[in-house]
Amino acid sequence: MTLTMANVVLDCHNAAAQAEFYAQLLDLPVDPEASEYFATVGRSAGVAPLLMFIQVPDKTPGKNAMHLDFHSAQWRDYVERAISLGGRHIADFDAYGQQWVTLADPEGNLFDIGKR
């Protein structure tokens, strides 16, 4: 069983604009299909972890704008492991062609574990 760092995700108001900023800063291309709702930097260049930008309706107080994003073929096992270690289940998602679970660590910082 292996758990690897998959993405660094930034919640934002305009995903394409944020992706462009970081792409320019890192001298990497914004990946094809970028929009104001969802964009990535690094996939087409083979960079890992991937930078991912997702539009959110509001950045509410207390929610971290950046979070760790892990993936594994045994992702559900890791979700259960995280909960057994003191993590808290927040929500399940199936969007952008991916499935993942958002959890909170013992201090409340959000992170995701998704299907590889």
C-alpha atoms as a PDB file:
ATOM      1  CA  MET A   1       0.000   0.000   0.000  1.00  0.00           C
ATOM      2  CA  THR A   2       1.413   3.399  -0.988  1.00  0.00           C
ATOM      3  CA  LEU A   3       0.107   6.896  -0.313  1.00  0.00           C
ATOM      4  CA  THR A   4       1.709   9.629  -2.415  1.00  0.00           C
ATOM      5  CA  MET A   5       1.373  13.396  -2.626  1.00  0.00           C
ATOM      6  CA  ALA A   6      -0.801  14.057  -5.674  1.00  0.00           C
ATOM      7  CA  ASN A   7      -1.783  17.732  -5.709  1.00  0.00           C
ATOM      8  CA  VAL A   8      -1.410  21.008  -3.873  1.00  0.00           C
ATOM      9  CA  VAL A   9      -4.846  22.626  -4.141  1.00  0.00           C
ATOM     10  CA  LEU A  10      -5.637  26.316  -3.788  1.00  0.00           C
ATOM     11  CA  ASP A  11      -9.227  27.457  -3.314  1.00  0.00           C
ATOM     12  CA  CYS A  12      -9.715  30.748  -5.141  1.00  0.00           C
ATOM     13  CA  HIS A  13     -12.134  33.095  -6.877  1.00  0.00           C
ATOM     14  CA  ASN A  14     -10.713  32.686 -10.415  1.00  0.00           C
ATOM     15  CA  ALA A  15      -8.887  29.400 -11.032  1.00  0.00           C
ATOM     16  CA  ALA A  16      -7.474  30.342 -14.451  1.00  0.00           C
ATOM     17  CA  ALA A  17      -6.048  33.648 -13.192  1.00  0.00           C
ATOM     18  CA  GLN A  18      -4.426  32.008 -10.170  1.00  0.00           C
ATOM     19  CA  ALA A  19      -3.030  29.213 -12.350  1.00  0.00           C
ATOM     20  CA  GLU A  20      -1.563  31.766 -14.741  1.00  0.00           C
ATOM     21  CA  PHE A  21       0.167  33.593 -11.878  1.00  0.00           C
ATOM     22  CA  TYR A  22       1.813  30.427 -10.565  1.00  0.00           C
ATOM     23  CA  ALA A  23       2.600  29.144 -14.060  1.00  0.00           C
ATOM     24  CA  GLN A  24       4.438  32.373 -14.776  1.00  0.00           C
ATOM     25  CA  LEU A  25       6.187  32.323 -11.413  1.00  0.00           C
ATOM     26  CA  LEU A  26       7.366  28.732 -11.884  1.00  0.00           C
ATOM     27  CA  ASP A  27       7.967  28.954 -15.636  1.00  0.00           C
ATOM     28  CA  LEU A  28       5.498  26.126 -16.287  1.00  0.00           C
ATOM     29  CA  PRO A  29       2.524  25.971 -18.647  1.00  0.00           C
ATOM     30  CA  VAL A  30      -1.085  26.187 -17.524  1.00  0.00           C
ATOM     31  CA  ASP A  31      -2.534  22.829 -18.518  1.00  0.00           C
ATOM     32  CA  PRO A  32      -5.127  22.654 -21.329  1.00  0.00           C
ATOM     33  CA  GLU A  33      -8.815  23.016 -20.430  1.00  0.00           C
ATOM     34  CA  ALA A  34      -8.208  25.680 -17.759  1.00  0.00           C
ATOM     35  CA  SER A  35     -11.248  27.758 -16.844  1.00  0.00           C
ATOM     36  CA  GLU A  36     -12.275  30.220 -14.170  1.00  0.00           C
ATOM     37  CA  TYR A  37     -13.638  27.207 -12.243  1.00  0.00           C
ATOM     38  CA  PHE A  38     -10.809  24.669 -12.463  1.00  0.00           C
ATOM     39  CA  ALA A  39      -7.201  24.778 -13.647  1.00  0.00           C
ATOM     40  CA  THR A  40      -3.939  22.923 -13.142  1.00  0.00           C
ATOM     41  CA  VAL A  41      -0.257  23.673 -13.605  1.00  0.00           C
ATOM     42  CA  GLY A  42       2.365  21.000 -14.110  1.00  0.00           C
ATOM     43  CA  ARG A  43       0.496  18.003 -15.554  1.00  0.00           C
ATOM     44  CA  SER A  44       1.613  18.639 -19.150  1.00  0.00           C
ATOM     45  CA  ALA A  45       5.196  19.191 -17.929  1.00  0.00           C
ATOM     46  CA  GLY A  46       5.217  16.012 -15.815  1.00  0.00           C
ATOM     47  CA  VAL A  47       5.654  17.924 -12.552  1.00  0.00           C
ATOM     48  CA  ALA A  48       4.570  16.384  -9.251  1.00  0.00           C
ATOM     49  CA  PRO A  49       2.873  17.295  -7.092  1.00  0.00           C
ATOM     50  CA  LEU A  50       0.450  19.017  -9.437  1.00  0.00           C
ATOM     51  CA  LEU A  51      -0.775  22.536  -8.596  1.00  0.00           C
ATOM     52  CA  MET A  52      -4.581  22.587  -8.759  1.00  0.00           C
ATOM     53  CA  PHE A  53      -6.860  25.628  -8.511  1.00  0.00           C
ATOM     54  CA  ILE A  54     -10.580  25.323  -7.763  1.00  0.00           C
ATOM     55  CA  GLN A  55     -13.100  28.160  -7.676  1.00  0.00           C
ATOM     56  CA  VAL A  56     -15.068  28.341  -4.436  1.00  0.00           C
ATOM     57  CA  PRO A  57     -18.073  30.613  -3.818  1.00  0.00           C
ATOM     58  CA  ASP A  58     -16.483  32.212  -0.775  1.00  0.00           C
ATOM     59  CA  LYS A  59     -13.400  31.685   1.262  1.00  0.00           C
ATOM     60  CA  THR A  60     -15.082  31.322   4.611  1.00  0.00           C
ATOM     61  CA  PRO A  61     -13.190  32.131   7.811  1.00  0.00           C
ATOM     62  CA  GLY A  62     -11.507  29.089   9.270  1.00  0.00           C
ATOM     63  CA  LYS A  63     -11.191  27.159   6.001  1.00  0.00           C
ATOM     64  CA  ASN A  64      -7.629  26.878   4.809  1.00  0.00           C
ATOM     65  CA  ALA A  65      -7.216  28.059   1.206  1.00  0.00           C
ATOM     66  CA  MET A  66      -4.432  25.544   0.519  1.00  0.00           C
ATOM     67  CA  HIS A  67      -4.633  21.888   1.466  1.00  0.00           C
ATOM     68  CA  LEU A  68      -2.835  18.612   0.885  1.00  0.00           C
ATOM     69  CA  ASP A  69      -4.299  16.281  -1.702  1.00  0.00           C
ATOM     70  CA  PHE A  70      -3.297  12.602  -1.587  1.00  0.00           C
ATOM     71  CA  HIS A  71      -4.299   9.732  -3.850  1.00  0.00           C
ATOM     72  CA  SER A  72      -4.014   5.959  -3.816  1.00  0.00           C
ATOM     73  CA  ALA A  73      -5.588   2.911  -5.401  1.00  0.00           C
ATOM     74  CA  GLN A  74      -6.565   2.018  -1.812  1.00  0.00           C
ATOM     75  CA  TRP A  75      -7.950   5.485  -1.100  1.00  0.00           C
ATOM     76  CA  ARG A  76     -10.909   4.299   0.982  1.00  0.00           C
ATOM     77  CA  ASP A  77      -8.529   2.384   3.274  1.00  0.00           C
ATOM     78  CA  TYR A  78      -6.524   5.568   3.800  1.00  0.00           C
ATOM     79  CA  VAL A  79      -9.692   7.542   4.564  1.00  0.00           C
ATOM     80  CA  GLU A  80     -10.524   5.033   7.299  1.00  0.00           C
ATOM     81  CA  ARG A  81      -6.930   5.138   8.540  1.00  0.00           C
ATOM     82  CA  ALA A  82      -7.007   8.944   8.737  1.00  0.00           C
ATOM     83  CA  ILE A  83     -10.231   8.814  10.746  1.00  0.00           C
ATOM     84  CA  SER A  84      -8.770   6.179  13.069  1.00  0.00           C
ATOM     85  CA  LEU A  85      -5.795   8.474  13.696  1.00  0.00           C
ATOM     86  CA  GLY A  86      -8.018  11.372  14.773  1.00  0.00           C
ATOM     87  CA  GLY A  87      -9.067  12.851  11.440  1.00  0.00           C
ATOM     88  CA  ARG A  88     -12.659  13.863  10.778  1.00  0.00           C
ATOM     89  CA  HIS A  89     -14.736  13.114   7.668  1.00  0.00           C
ATOM     90  CA  ILE A  90     -16.063  16.311   6.082  1.00  0.00           C
ATOM     91  CA  ALA A  91     -17.587  15.335   2.708  1.00  0.00           C
ATOM     92  CA  ASP A  92     -17.444  13.002  -0.299  1.00  0.00           C
ATOM     93  CA  PHE A  93     -17.013  14.369  -3.833  1.00  0.00           C
ATOM     94  CA  ASP A  94     -17.304  13.110  -7.395  1.00  0.00           C
ATOM     95  CA  ALA A  95     -16.397  15.974  -9.746  1.00  0.00           C
ATOM     96  CA  TYR A  96     -13.911  16.971 -12.465  1.00  0.00           C
ATOM     97  CA  GLY A  97     -13.646  13.271 -13.382  1.00  0.00           C
ATOM     98  CA  GLN A  98     -12.291  12.399  -9.933  1.00  0.00           C
ATOM     99  CA  GLN A  99     -13.556  10.938  -6.663  1.00  0.00           C
ATOM    100  CA  TRP A 100     -12.223  12.094  -3.301  1.00  0.00           C
ATOM    101  CA  VAL A 101     -13.023  12.582   0.354  1.00  0.00           C
ATOM    102  CA  THR A 102     -12.314  15.794   2.245  1.00  0.00           C
ATOM    103  CA  LEU A 103     -11.194  15.303   5.820  1.00  0.00           C
ATOM    104  CA  ALA A 104      -9.920  17.495   8.639  1.00  0.00           C
ATOM    105  CA  ASP A 105      -6.794  16.681  10.589  1.00  0.00           C
ATOM    106  CA  PRO A 106      -6.885  16.806  14.400  1.00  0.00           C
ATOM    107  CA  GLU A 107      -6.324  20.604  14.328  1.00  0.00           C
ATOM    108  CA  GLY A 108      -9.013  21.198  11.727  1.00  0.00           C
ATOM    109  CA  ASN A 109      -6.816  21.650   8.627  1.00  0.00           C
ATOM    110  CA  LEU A 110      -8.531  20.245   5.561  1.00  0.00           C
ATOM    111  CA  PHE A 111      -6.978  17.668   3.239  1.00  0.00           C
ATOM    112  CA  ASP A 112      -8.232  15.278   0.558  1.00  0.00           C
ATOM    113  CA  ILE A 113      -7.695  11.593  -0.165  1.00  0.00           C
ATOM    114  CA  GLY A 114      -8.766  10.512  -3.621  1.00  0.00           C
ATOM    115  CA  LYS A 115      -8.929   7.619  -6.006  1.00  0.00           C
ATOM    116  CA  ARG A 116      -5.852   7.065  -8.154  1.00  0.00           C
END
